[in-house]
Amino acid sequence: MMQNFSSPISRSVQSIAHSDKQDVCALNGSIVDLEDLIHELRQPLSTIETLAYHLEMTCADLTRGARLRQIREMIAQASVILDRARVPGAN
């Protein structure tokens, strides 16, 4: 069961999605292109999702399996947020 998060953070991400491609985000004191940031966030999320799936498929403990499914659902939600943050006109 995925939760609907309509937080100020997700609204901020949505407003960034409507920004021009040249907009940048500050991250740890450096300037990062939004398109690059989205790409860099997807890689570790994909790895975490793959590991959680593998653990879920090999886990006999129902409680742990449910927690792993919850992790995968949260990753799917983060992916949706990243999709919404895509810069118009970007690949």
N, C-alpha and C. Protein backbone atom coordinates (compact mmCIF):
# COMPACT_ATOMS: atom_id res chain seq x y z
N MET A 1 0.84 -1.17 0.00
CA MET A 1 0.00 0.00 0.00
C MET A 1 0.88 1.24 0.00
N MET A 2 0.79 2.02 -1.05
CA MET A 2 1.61 3.22 -1.15
C MET A 2 0.86 4.39 -0.53
N GLN A 3 1.60 5.21 0.17
CA GLN A 3 1.01 6.39 0.79
C GLN A 3 1.12 7.55 -0.17
N ASN A 4 0.15 8.47 -0.06
CA ASN A 4 0.19 9.67 -0.88
C ASN A 4 0.83 10.77 -0.06
N PHE A 5 2.00 11.20 -0.46
CA PHE A 5 2.70 12.25 0.25
C PHE A 5 2.52 13.56 -0.49
N SER A 6 1.75 14.46 0.09
CA SER A 6 1.55 15.78 -0.50
C SER A 6 2.23 16.78 0.41
N SER A 7 3.49 16.56 0.65
CA SER A 7 4.26 17.39 1.57
C SER A 7 4.82 18.59 0.85
N PRO A 8 5.30 19.57 1.62
CA PRO A 8 5.96 20.72 1.00
C PRO A 8 7.15 20.30 0.14
N ILE A 9 7.83 19.22 0.52
CA ILE A 9 8.98 18.76 -0.25
C ILE A 9 8.53 18.27 -1.62
N SER A 10 7.49 17.42 -1.67
CA SER A 10 7.06 16.92 -2.97
C SER A 10 6.47 18.04 -3.82
N ARG A 11 5.81 19.03 -3.21
CA ARG A 11 5.32 20.18 -3.96
C ARG A 11 6.50 20.99 -4.50
N SER A 12 7.58 21.08 -3.73
CA SER A 12 8.77 21.78 -4.21
C SER A 12 9.39 21.07 -5.39
N VAL A 13 9.44 19.73 -5.32
CA VAL A 13 10.00 18.95 -6.42
C VAL A 13 9.14 19.16 -7.67
N GLN A 14 7.82 19.19 -7.50
CA GLN A 14 6.95 19.41 -8.64
C GLN A 14 7.17 20.79 -9.24
N SER A 15 7.40 21.79 -8.41
CA SER A 15 7.63 23.13 -8.95
C SER A 15 8.97 23.20 -9.68
N ILE A 16 9.94 22.41 -9.23
CA ILE A 16 11.23 22.36 -9.92
C ILE A 16 11.04 21.76 -11.31
N ALA A 17 10.12 20.81 -11.43
CA ALA A 17 9.89 20.16 -12.72
C ALA A 17 9.45 21.16 -13.79
N HIS A 18 8.85 22.24 -13.37
CA HIS A 18 8.39 23.24 -14.32
C HIS A 18 9.45 24.29 -14.60
N SER A 19 10.61 24.13 -14.04
CA SER A 19 11.69 25.09 -14.23
C SER A 19 12.36 24.88 -15.57
N ASP A 20 13.13 25.85 -15.97
CA ASP A 20 13.93 25.77 -17.20
C ASP A 20 15.07 24.80 -17.00
N LYS A 21 15.56 24.18 -18.08
CA LYS A 21 16.64 23.20 -18.00
C LYS A 21 17.91 23.78 -17.40
N GLN A 22 18.10 25.07 -17.52
CA GLN A 22 19.32 25.70 -17.02
C GLN A 22 19.30 25.90 -15.50
N ASP A 23 18.15 25.65 -14.86
CA ASP A 23 18.09 25.81 -13.41
C ASP A 23 19.05 24.83 -12.75
N VAL A 24 19.58 25.22 -11.62
CA VAL A 24 20.49 24.36 -10.88
C VAL A 24 20.04 24.24 -9.44
N CYS A 25 20.55 23.20 -8.79
CA CYS A 25 20.26 22.98 -7.38
C CYS A 25 21.58 23.02 -6.62
N ALA A 26 21.55 23.53 -5.41
CA ALA A 26 22.74 23.51 -4.58
C ALA A 26 22.75 22.21 -3.79
N LEU A 27 23.85 21.51 -3.82
CA LEU A 27 23.98 20.25 -3.10
C LEU A 27 25.37 20.19 -2.49
N ASN A 28 25.40 20.21 -1.16
CA ASN A 28 26.68 20.17 -0.44
C ASN A 28 27.65 21.24 -0.93
N GLY A 29 27.14 22.41 -1.19
CA GLY A 29 28.00 23.53 -1.57
C GLY A 29 28.41 23.56 -3.02
N SER A 30 28.00 22.56 -3.82
CA SER A 30 28.35 22.59 -5.24
C SER A 30 27.08 22.75 -6.07
N ILE A 31 27.25 23.22 -7.28
CA ILE A 31 26.12 23.41 -8.16
C ILE A 31 25.94 22.16 -9.02
N VAL A 32 24.70 21.65 -9.06
CA VAL A 32 24.40 20.43 -9.78
C VAL A 32 23.23 20.70 -10.73
N ASP A 33 23.36 20.29 -11.98
CA ASP A 33 22.27 20.38 -12.94
C ASP A 33 21.17 19.42 -12.49
N LEU A 34 19.91 19.86 -12.57
CA LEU A 34 18.79 19.04 -12.12
C LEU A 34 18.74 17.69 -12.84
N GLU A 35 19.00 17.69 -14.12
CA GLU A 35 19.00 16.45 -14.90
C GLU A 35 20.06 15.48 -14.36
N ASP A 36 21.25 15.99 -14.04
CA ASP A 36 22.31 15.15 -13.48
C ASP A 36 21.93 14.63 -12.09
N LEU A 37 21.31 15.47 -11.29
CA LEU A 37 20.89 15.07 -9.95
C LEU A 37 19.89 13.92 -10.02
N ILE A 38 18.91 14.04 -10.91
CA ILE A 38 17.91 12.98 -11.07
C ILE A 38 18.59 11.68 -11.47
N HIS A 39 19.51 11.75 -12.41
CA HIS A 39 20.24 10.56 -12.85
C HIS A 39 21.03 9.94 -11.70
N GLU A 40 21.72 10.78 -10.94
CA GLU A 40 22.55 10.29 -9.84
C GLU A 40 21.70 9.68 -8.72
N LEU A 41 20.49 10.14 -8.52
CA LEU A 41 19.61 9.56 -7.50
C LEU A 41 19.03 8.22 -7.95
N ARG A 42 18.79 8.08 -9.24
CA ARG A 42 18.19 6.83 -9.74
C ARG A 42 19.13 5.63 -9.58
N GLN A 43 20.42 5.81 -9.74
CA GLN A 43 21.36 4.68 -9.68
C GLN A 43 21.32 3.99 -8.31
N PRO A 44 21.50 4.71 -7.19
CA PRO A 44 21.45 4.00 -5.91
C PRO A 44 20.05 3.47 -5.59
N LEU A 45 19.00 4.16 -6.02
CA LEU A 45 17.65 3.65 -5.80
C LEU A 45 17.44 2.32 -6.53
N SER A 46 17.96 2.22 -7.73
CA SER A 46 17.84 0.99 -8.51
C SER A 46 18.58 -0.15 -7.81
N THR A 47 19.76 0.13 -7.31
CA THR A 47 20.54 -0.89 -6.60
C THR A 47 19.82 -1.35 -5.34
N ILE A 48 19.29 -0.40 -4.57
CA ILE A 48 18.56 -0.74 -3.35
C ILE A 48 17.33 -1.57 -3.68
N GLU A 49 16.62 -1.19 -4.74
CA GLU A 49 15.42 -1.93 -5.13
C GLU A 49 15.77 -3.37 -5.51
N THR A 50 16.85 -3.55 -6.26
CA THR A 50 17.27 -4.89 -6.67
C THR A 50 17.65 -5.74 -5.46
N LEU A 51 18.39 -5.16 -4.54
CA LEU A 51 18.78 -5.90 -3.33
C LEU A 51 17.56 -6.24 -2.48
N ALA A 52 16.63 -5.30 -2.32
CA ALA A 52 15.42 -5.55 -1.53
C ALA A 52 14.59 -6.66 -2.17
N TYR A 53 14.48 -6.65 -3.50
CA TYR A 53 13.73 -7.68 -4.21
C TYR A 53 14.37 -9.05 -3.98
N HIS A 54 15.68 -9.11 -4.13
CA HIS A 54 16.39 -10.39 -3.92
C HIS A 54 16.18 -10.89 -2.49
N LEU A 55 16.33 -10.01 -1.52
CA LEU A 55 16.13 -10.41 -0.13
C LEU A 55 14.69 -10.85 0.13
N GLU A 56 13.74 -10.14 -0.47
CA GLU A 56 12.33 -10.49 -0.30
C GLU A 56 12.04 -11.89 -0.85
N MET A 57 12.63 -12.21 -2.01
CA MET A 57 12.40 -13.50 -2.65
C MET A 57 13.06 -14.66 -1.89
N THR A 58 14.10 -14.37 -1.14
CA THR A 58 14.82 -15.43 -0.43
C THR A 58 14.52 -15.45 1.07
N CYS A 59 13.67 -14.56 1.52
CA CYS A 59 13.38 -14.43 2.95
C CYS A 59 12.17 -15.28 3.33
N ALA A 60 12.33 -16.13 4.33
CA ALA A 60 11.23 -16.94 4.80
C ALA A 60 10.42 -16.24 5.89
N ASP A 61 11.01 -15.23 6.52
CA ASP A 61 10.35 -14.49 7.60
C ASP A 61 9.32 -13.52 7.00
N LEU A 62 8.04 -13.74 7.32
CA LEU A 62 6.97 -12.91 6.75
C LEU A 62 7.07 -11.44 7.16
N THR A 63 7.50 -11.18 8.39
CA THR A 63 7.63 -9.80 8.84
C THR A 63 8.72 -9.08 8.05
N ARG A 64 9.85 -9.73 7.89
CA ARG A 64 10.93 -9.13 7.11
C ARG A 64 10.53 -8.96 5.64
N GLY A 65 9.82 -9.95 5.11
CA GLY A 65 9.35 -9.85 3.74
C GLY A 65 8.43 -8.66 3.55
N ALA A 66 7.57 -8.42 4.51
CA ALA A 66 6.66 -7.26 4.44
C ALA A 66 7.44 -5.96 4.49
N ARG A 67 8.47 -5.91 5.32
CA ARG A 67 9.31 -4.70 5.42
C ARG A 67 10.07 -4.47 4.11
N LEU A 68 10.54 -5.54 3.51
CA LEU A 68 11.25 -5.41 2.23
C LEU A 68 10.31 -4.93 1.13
N ARG A 69 9.06 -5.42 1.13
CA ARG A 69 8.07 -4.92 0.17
C ARG A 69 7.81 -3.44 0.40
N GLN A 70 7.77 -3.04 1.66
CA GLN A 70 7.57 -1.64 2.00
C GLN A 70 8.73 -0.78 1.47
N ILE A 71 9.94 -1.28 1.59
CA ILE A 71 11.11 -0.57 1.04
C ILE A 71 10.95 -0.41 -0.46
N ARG A 72 10.55 -1.47 -1.15
CA ARG A 72 10.39 -1.40 -2.60
C ARG A 72 9.27 -0.43 -2.99
N GLU A 73 8.21 -0.37 -2.21
CA GLU A 73 7.12 0.59 -2.48
C GLU A 73 7.61 2.03 -2.31
N MET A 74 8.42 2.26 -1.30
CA MET A 74 8.95 3.61 -1.09
C MET A 74 9.91 4.01 -2.22
N ILE A 75 10.67 3.05 -2.73
CA ILE A 75 11.55 3.32 -3.86
C ILE A 75 10.71 3.66 -5.09
N ALA A 76 9.62 2.94 -5.29
CA ALA A 76 8.73 3.24 -6.42
C ALA A 76 8.16 4.64 -6.28
N GLN A 77 7.81 5.03 -5.07
CA GLN A 77 7.30 6.37 -4.83
C GLN A 77 8.37 7.43 -5.14
N ALA A 78 9.59 7.17 -4.72
CA ALA A 78 10.69 8.10 -5.01
C ALA A 78 10.91 8.21 -6.52
N SER A 79 10.76 7.10 -7.22
CA SER A 79 10.91 7.11 -8.67
C SER A 79 9.84 7.98 -9.34
N VAL A 80 8.62 7.92 -8.83
CA VAL A 80 7.55 8.77 -9.35
C VAL A 80 7.89 10.24 -9.13
N ILE A 81 8.41 10.57 -7.97
CA ILE A 81 8.80 11.95 -7.68
C ILE A 81 9.88 12.40 -8.65
N LEU A 82 10.86 11.53 -8.91
CA LEU A 82 11.92 11.87 -9.86
C LEU A 82 11.37 12.03 -11.27
N ASP A 83 10.38 11.21 -11.64
CA ASP A 83 9.75 11.36 -12.95
C ASP A 83 9.08 12.72 -13.08
N ARG A 84 8.43 13.17 -12.03
CA ARG A 84 7.75 14.47 -12.03
C ARG A 84 8.75 15.62 -12.08
N ALA A 85 9.96 15.38 -11.60
CA ALA A 85 10.97 16.43 -11.54
C ALA A 85 11.75 16.54 -12.85
N ARG A 86 11.42 15.72 -13.81
CA ARG A 86 12.13 15.77 -15.10
C ARG A 86 12.02 17.15 -15.72
N VAL A 87 13.10 17.55 -16.31
CA VAL A 87 13.15 18.85 -16.96
C VAL A 87 12.48 18.74 -18.33
N PRO A 88 11.50 19.64 -18.62
CA PRO A 88 10.86 19.58 -19.94
C PRO A 88 11.89 19.69 -21.06
N GLY A 89 11.76 18.83 -22.05
CA GLY A 89 12.68 18.85 -23.18
C GLY A 89 13.92 18.00 -22.98
N ALA A 90 14.12 17.47 -21.77
CA ALA A 90 15.30 16.62 -21.50
C ALA A 90 14.99 15.20 -21.93
N ASN A 91 16.02 14.41 -22.17
CA ASN A 91 15.84 13.00 -22.58
C ASN A 91 15.38 12.18 -21.44
